[in-house]
Amino acid sequence: MAIIPTQNPTSIAGYYLGVFSLIPVLGLILTLPAFICGIIAIQKVSANPEVAGKGHAITAIVLSVVQPIILIALIFLGLLKGF
């Protein structure tokens, strides 16, 4: 099994978008594309099990869901402390 899924570039793109979405300003822009790429990559893997990249796709989806939660928590904590 390949470490880098060269047959599924959507999973690689989603993975990197998900990682870069953790950067505060970029997160607002990159979260949705990371989620979409992750879903598309999962569908490709489901349609053809020989294509690698399921782990990268799952990571993209998880990171794109976690980023807004972190952002909301940081805003909430900032409001509690009064900035």
Protein backbone atom coordinates (compact mmCIF):
# COMPACT_ATOMS: atom_id res chain seq x y z
CA MET A 1 0.00 0.00 0.00
CA ALA A 2 1.37 3.40 -0.96
CA ILE A 3 1.99 6.06 1.65
CA ILE A 4 1.19 8.88 -0.78
CA PRO A 5 -1.96 8.08 -2.79
CA THR A 6 -0.85 9.19 -6.25
CA GLN A 7 -3.94 7.59 -7.84
CA ASN A 8 -6.26 9.76 -5.77
CA PRO A 9 -5.06 13.38 -5.95
CA THR A 10 -8.33 14.62 -4.46
CA SER A 11 -7.43 12.97 -1.16
CA ILE A 12 -4.01 14.63 -1.16
CA ALA A 13 -5.54 18.02 -1.94
CA GLY A 14 -8.16 17.58 0.78
CA TYR A 15 -5.51 16.53 3.26
CA TYR A 16 -3.35 19.59 2.66
CA LEU A 17 -6.36 21.90 2.63
CA GLY A 18 -7.42 20.41 5.97
CA VAL A 19 -3.98 20.87 7.49
CA PHE A 20 -3.70 24.45 6.25
CA SER A 21 -7.22 25.20 7.45
CA LEU A 22 -5.87 25.05 11.00
CA ILE A 23 -4.11 28.37 10.33
CA PRO A 24 -6.60 30.89 11.77
CA VAL A 25 -7.14 33.23 8.81
CA LEU A 26 -6.88 30.52 6.15
CA GLY A 27 -9.27 28.27 8.06
CA LEU A 28 -12.28 30.34 7.10
CA ILE A 29 -11.45 29.91 3.43
CA LEU A 30 -10.10 26.35 3.30
CA THR A 31 -12.48 24.43 5.56
CA LEU A 32 -15.26 23.90 3.02
CA PRO A 33 -12.96 22.88 0.11
CA ALA A 34 -11.15 20.43 2.42
CA PHE A 35 -14.47 18.85 3.40
CA ILE A 36 -15.64 18.61 -0.23
CA CYS A 37 -12.34 17.09 -1.39
CA GLY A 38 -12.48 14.58 1.46
CA ILE A 39 -16.00 13.48 0.53
CA ILE A 40 -15.10 13.15 -3.16
CA ALA A 41 -11.98 11.13 -2.27
CA ILE A 42 -13.99 8.78 -0.03
CA GLN A 43 -16.42 8.21 -2.89
CA LYS A 44 -13.51 7.39 -5.24
CA VAL A 45 -12.10 4.88 -2.75
CA SER A 46 -15.53 3.32 -2.22
CA ALA A 47 -16.09 2.97 -5.97
CA ASN A 48 -12.65 1.44 -6.54
CA PRO A 49 -11.05 -0.21 -3.47
CA GLU A 50 -7.69 -0.50 -5.25
CA VAL A 51 -7.32 3.29 -5.14
CA ALA A 52 -5.46 4.44 -2.04
CA GLY A 53 -6.10 7.59 -0.06
CA LYS A 54 -8.87 6.75 2.38
CA GLY A 55 -6.78 7.84 5.36
CA HIS A 56 -5.94 11.17 3.77
CA ALA A 57 -9.62 11.70 2.92
CA ILE A 58 -10.76 10.92 6.46
CA THR A 59 -8.11 13.27 7.84
CA ALA A 60 -9.34 16.04 5.51
CA ILE A 61 -12.91 15.58 6.71
CA VAL A 62 -11.95 15.46 10.40
CA LEU A 63 -9.74 18.53 10.20
CA SER A 64 -12.37 20.49 8.31
CA VAL A 65 -14.92 19.68 11.03
CA VAL A 66 -12.53 20.34 13.92
CA GLN A 67 -11.36 23.75 12.68
CA PRO A 68 -14.71 25.57 13.12
CA ILE A 69 -15.10 24.02 16.57
CA ILE A 70 -11.68 25.33 17.57
CA LEU A 71 -12.51 28.75 16.13
CA ILE A 72 -15.82 28.95 18.02
CA ALA A 73 -14.10 27.85 21.24
CA LEU A 74 -11.41 30.51 20.84
CA ILE A 75 -14.00 33.21 20.17
CA PHE A 76 -16.04 32.08 23.17
CA LEU A 77 -12.99 32.07 25.45
CA GLY A 78 -12.02 35.51 24.15
CA LEU A 79 -15.47 36.85 24.93
CA LEU A 80 -15.34 35.39 28.44
CA LYS A 81 -12.04 37.07 29.15
CA GLY A 82 -13.16 40.34 27.57
CA PHE A 83 -10.50 40.19 24.87
